[in-house]
Amino acid sequence: MPEWATTWAFVACILAGATLWYMLRHDTKSDWAEVHKSMTNVLATQRSAFAVRGSMGAYSSASQNPFDERRIQYEAAVTQLRGQLNRVAKDSLSTRIGELLDRNRDTSQWLSENFVKAFEELMDQAAEKAR
């Protein structure tokens, strides 16, 4: 094999390795961006449920309770977030997010200020991973 062929094969291997590293890094950042977007959706749904609960007036049995509607929306948002967490590589942050959701399944828990504070902190860390 000529010397130039060996040199080009070596250069091709280096470029392939660099490209693979870039693609894996970009996929990870993209996955964390989707996790952050889902977390934002969960928090927005949680806040709207809290606002409805605070301003809830009388409602008839013929119409659905507006808070129940928001609770259903919140549960759908959490399900979407769990799906995004399953896509991302398991690490300490994804585990902590999952554990926080597991510990706060009851309505009174996810409407608490403690949940919001802890969730926002984890959301900031997810945003950092997306950068």
C-alpha atoms as a PDB file:
ATOM      1  CA  MET A   1       0.000   0.000   0.000  1.00  0.00           C
ATOM      2  CA  PRO A   2       1.431   3.411  -0.910  1.00  0.00           C
ATOM      3  CA  GLU A   3       2.380   5.787   1.878  1.00  0.00           C
ATOM      4  CA  TRP A   4      -0.233   8.392   0.839  1.00  0.00           C
ATOM      5  CA  ALA A   5      -3.027   5.794   1.166  1.00  0.00           C
ATOM      6  CA  THR A   6      -1.994   5.046   4.739  1.00  0.00           C
ATOM      7  CA  THR A   7      -1.948   8.754   5.553  1.00  0.00           C
ATOM      8  CA  TRP A   8      -5.419   9.307   4.076  1.00  0.00           C
ATOM      9  CA  ALA A   9      -6.798   6.267   5.917  1.00  0.00           C
ATOM     10  CA  PHE A  10      -5.442   7.699   9.175  1.00  0.00           C
ATOM     11  CA  VAL A  11      -6.993  11.123   8.438  1.00  0.00           C
ATOM     12  CA  ALA A  12     -10.332   9.467   7.586  1.00  0.00           C
ATOM     13  CA  CYS A  13     -10.337   7.592  10.912  1.00  0.00           C
ATOM     14  CA  ILE A  14      -9.686  10.795  12.844  1.00  0.00           C
ATOM     15  CA  LEU A  15     -12.482  12.633  10.988  1.00  0.00           C
ATOM     16  CA  ALA A  16     -14.914   9.754  11.523  1.00  0.00           C
ATOM     17  CA  GLY A  17     -14.166   9.731  15.257  1.00  0.00           C
ATOM     18  CA  ALA A  18     -14.596  13.500  15.538  1.00  0.00           C
ATOM     19  CA  THR A  19     -17.870  13.373  13.603  1.00  0.00           C
ATOM     20  CA  LEU A  20     -19.247  10.598  15.789  1.00  0.00           C
ATOM     21  CA  TRP A  21     -18.283  12.499  18.957  1.00  0.00           C
ATOM     22  CA  TYR A  22     -20.014  15.649  17.642  1.00  0.00           C
ATOM     23  CA  MET A  23     -23.175  13.746  16.690  1.00  0.00           C
ATOM     24  CA  LEU A  24     -23.435  12.032  20.086  1.00  0.00           C
ATOM     25  CA  ARG A  25     -22.890  15.323  21.905  1.00  0.00           C
ATOM     26  CA  HIS A  26     -25.496  17.100  19.753  1.00  0.00           C
ATOM     27  CA  ASP A  27     -28.078  14.328  20.300  1.00  0.00           C
ATOM     28  CA  THR A  28     -27.590  14.543  24.064  1.00  0.00           C
ATOM     29  CA  LYS A  29     -28.038  18.321  24.058  1.00  0.00           C
ATOM     30  CA  SER A  30     -31.140  17.983  21.902  1.00  0.00           C
ATOM     31  CA  ASP A  31     -32.618  15.371  24.268  1.00  0.00           C
ATOM     32  CA  TRP A  32     -32.044  17.644  27.260  1.00  0.00           C
ATOM     33  CA  ALA A  33     -33.643  20.542  25.379  1.00  0.00           C
ATOM     34  CA  GLU A  34     -36.773  18.407  24.966  1.00  0.00           C
ATOM     35  CA  VAL A  35     -36.685  17.482  28.675  1.00  0.00           C
ATOM     36  CA  HIS A  36     -36.442  21.174  29.575  1.00  0.00           C
ATOM     37  CA  LYS A  37     -39.359  21.996  27.249  1.00  0.00           C
ATOM     38  CA  SER A  38     -41.460  19.256  28.879  1.00  0.00           C
ATOM     39  CA  MET A  39     -40.540  20.529  32.350  1.00  0.00           C
ATOM     40  CA  THR A  40     -41.640  24.030  31.351  1.00  0.00           C
ATOM     41  CA  ASN A  41     -44.957  22.585  30.191  1.00  0.00           C
ATOM     42  CA  VAL A  42     -45.415  20.750  33.522  1.00  0.00           C
ATOM     43  CA  LEU A  43     -44.705  23.916  35.493  1.00  0.00           C
ATOM     44  CA  ALA A  44     -47.045  26.046  33.352  1.00  0.00           C
ATOM     45  CA  THR A  45     -49.817  23.468  33.768  1.00  0.00           C
ATOM     46  CA  GLN A  46     -49.174  23.312  37.513  1.00  0.00           C
ATOM     47  CA  ARG A  47     -49.396  27.086  37.821  1.00  0.00           C
ATOM     48  CA  SER A  48     -52.627  27.253  35.825  1.00  0.00           C
ATOM     49  CA  ALA A  49     -54.120  24.547  38.072  1.00  0.00           C
ATOM     50  CA  PHE A  50     -53.104  26.547  41.123  1.00  0.00           C
ATOM     51  CA  ALA A  51     -54.679  29.712  39.691  1.00  0.00           C
ATOM     52  CA  VAL A  52     -57.929  27.905  38.870  1.00  0.00           C
ATOM     53  CA  ARG A  53     -58.059  26.334  42.294  1.00  0.00           C
ATOM     54  CA  GLY A  54     -57.606  29.704  43.966  1.00  0.00           C
ATOM     55  CA  SER A  55     -60.357  31.367  41.940  1.00  0.00           C
ATOM     56  CA  MET A  56     -62.748  28.435  41.721  1.00  0.00           C
ATOM     57  CA  GLY A  57     -66.330  29.376  42.280  1.00  0.00           C
ATOM     58  CA  ALA A  58     -69.463  27.327  42.246  1.00  0.00           C
ATOM     59  CA  TYR A  59     -69.947  24.901  39.425  1.00  0.00           C
ATOM     60  CA  SER A  60     -72.845  22.678  38.559  1.00  0.00           C
ATOM     61  CA  SER A  61     -72.760  18.921  38.479  1.00  0.00           C
ATOM     62  CA  ALA A  62     -73.515  19.140  34.755  1.00  0.00           C
ATOM     63  CA  SER A  63     -70.192  20.828  34.005  1.00  0.00           C
ATOM     64  CA  GLN A  64     -66.794  19.420  34.819  1.00  0.00           C
ATOM     65  CA  ASN A  65     -64.864  20.909  37.684  1.00  0.00           C
ATOM     66  CA  PRO A  66     -62.245  23.262  36.137  1.00  0.00           C
ATOM     67  CA  PHE A  67     -59.648  22.086  38.645  1.00  0.00           C
ATOM     68  CA  ASP A  68     -60.193  18.470  37.576  1.00  0.00           C
ATOM     69  CA  GLU A  69     -59.568  19.523  33.979  1.00  0.00           C
ATOM     70  CA  ARG A  70     -56.270  21.166  35.003  1.00  0.00           C
ATOM     71  CA  ARG A  71     -55.305  18.082  37.034  1.00  0.00           C
ATOM     72  CA  ILE A  72     -55.832  15.906  33.959  1.00  0.00           C
ATOM     73  CA  GLN A  73     -53.713  18.322  31.896  1.00  0.00           C
ATOM     74  CA  TYR A  74     -50.995  18.216  34.562  1.00  0.00           C
ATOM     75  CA  GLU A  75     -50.964  14.411  34.560  1.00  0.00           C
ATOM     76  CA  ALA A  76     -50.652  14.418  30.756  1.00  0.00           C
ATOM     77  CA  ALA A  77     -47.740  16.884  30.959  1.00  0.00           C
ATOM     78  CA  VAL A  78     -45.992  14.718  33.565  1.00  0.00           C
ATOM     79  CA  THR A  79     -46.484  11.651  31.374  1.00  0.00           C
ATOM     80  CA  GLN A  80     -44.892  13.512  28.466  1.00  0.00           C
ATOM     81  CA  LEU A  81     -41.973  14.528  30.713  1.00  0.00           C
ATOM     82  CA  ARG A  82     -41.470  10.929  31.839  1.00  0.00           C
ATOM     83  CA  GLY A  83     -41.362   9.897  28.188  1.00  0.00           C
ATOM     84  CA  GLN A  84     -38.649  12.473  27.501  1.00  0.00           C
ATOM     85  CA  LEU A  85     -36.711  11.297  30.552  1.00  0.00           C
ATOM     86  CA  ASN A  86     -36.814   7.744  29.202  1.00  0.00           C
ATOM     87  CA  ARG A  87     -35.186   8.937  25.971  1.00  0.00           C
ATOM     88  CA  VAL A  88     -32.288  10.693  27.655  1.00  0.00           C
ATOM     89  CA  ALA A  89     -29.301   8.742  28.978  1.00  0.00           C
ATOM     90  CA  LYS A  90     -29.726   7.808  32.620  1.00  0.00           C
ATOM     91  CA  ASP A  91     -27.707  10.049  34.892  1.00  0.00           C
ATOM     92  CA  SER A  92     -28.135  11.659  38.291  1.00  0.00           C
ATOM     93  CA  LEU A  93     -30.259  14.557  36.987  1.00  0.00           C
ATOM     94  CA  SER A  94     -32.798  12.407  35.158  1.00  0.00           C
ATOM     95  CA  THR A  95     -32.999  10.157  38.228  1.00  0.00           C
ATOM     96  CA  ARG A  96     -33.584  13.135  40.559  1.00  0.00           C
ATOM     97  CA  ILE A  97     -36.323  14.528  38.283  1.00  0.00           C
ATOM     98  CA  GLY A  98     -38.059  11.142  38.233  1.00  0.00           C
ATOM     99  CA  GLU A  99     -37.767  10.791  42.008  1.00  0.00           C
ATOM    100  CA  LEU A 100     -39.225  14.279  42.560  1.00  0.00           C
ATOM    101  CA  LEU A 101     -42.214  13.406  40.384  1.00  0.00           C
ATOM    102  CA  ASP A 102     -42.646  10.087  42.214  1.00  0.00           C
ATOM    103  CA  ARG A 103     -42.600  11.767  45.638  1.00  0.00           C
ATOM    104  CA  ASN A 104     -45.160  14.398  44.592  1.00  0.00           C
ATOM    105  CA  ARG A 105     -47.972  12.455  42.936  1.00  0.00           C
ATOM    106  CA  ASP A 106     -50.724  13.767  45.207  1.00  0.00           C
ATOM    107  CA  THR A 107     -52.390  17.025  44.157  1.00  0.00           C
ATOM    108  CA  SER A 108     -51.587  18.794  47.411  1.00  0.00           C
ATOM    109  CA  GLN A 109     -47.913  17.890  46.982  1.00  0.00           C
ATOM    110  CA  TRP A 110     -47.424  19.179  43.437  1.00  0.00           C
ATOM    111  CA  LEU A 111     -49.313  22.369  44.265  1.00  0.00           C
ATOM    112  CA  SER A 112     -46.928  23.124  47.135  1.00  0.00           C
ATOM    113  CA  GLU A 113     -44.248  25.803  47.024  1.00  0.00           C
ATOM    114  CA  ASN A 114     -41.611  23.197  47.987  1.00  0.00           C
ATOM    115  CA  PHE A 115     -42.352  21.221  44.831  1.00  0.00           C
ATOM    116  CA  VAL A 116     -42.136  24.320  42.641  1.00  0.00           C
ATOM    117  CA  LYS A 117     -38.812  25.377  44.153  1.00  0.00           C
ATOM    118  CA  ALA A 118     -37.228  21.929  43.763  1.00  0.00           C
ATOM    119  CA  PHE A 119     -38.690  21.496  40.272  1.00  0.00           C
ATOM    120  CA  GLU A 120     -37.421  24.899  39.089  1.00  0.00           C
ATOM    121  CA  GLU A 121     -33.938  24.068  40.386  1.00  0.00           C
ATOM    122  CA  LEU A 122     -33.899  20.806  38.420  1.00  0.00           C
ATOM    123  CA  MET A 123     -35.341  22.617  35.404  1.00  0.00           C
ATOM    124  CA  ASP A 124     -32.410  25.061  35.483  1.00  0.00           C
ATOM    125  CA  GLN A 125     -29.979  22.143  35.563  1.00  0.00           C
ATOM    126  CA  ALA A 126     -31.717  20.543  32.566  1.00  0.00           C
ATOM    127  CA  ALA A 127     -31.435  23.848  30.690  1.00  0.00           C
ATOM    128  CA  GLU A 128     -27.742  23.939  31.471  1.00  0.00           C
ATOM    129  CA  LYS A 129     -27.304  20.452  29.979  1.00  0.00           C
ATOM    130  CA  ALA A 130     -29.163  21.587  26.855  1.00  0.00           C
ATOM    131  CA  ARG A 131     -26.608  24.329  26.180  1.00  0.00           C
END
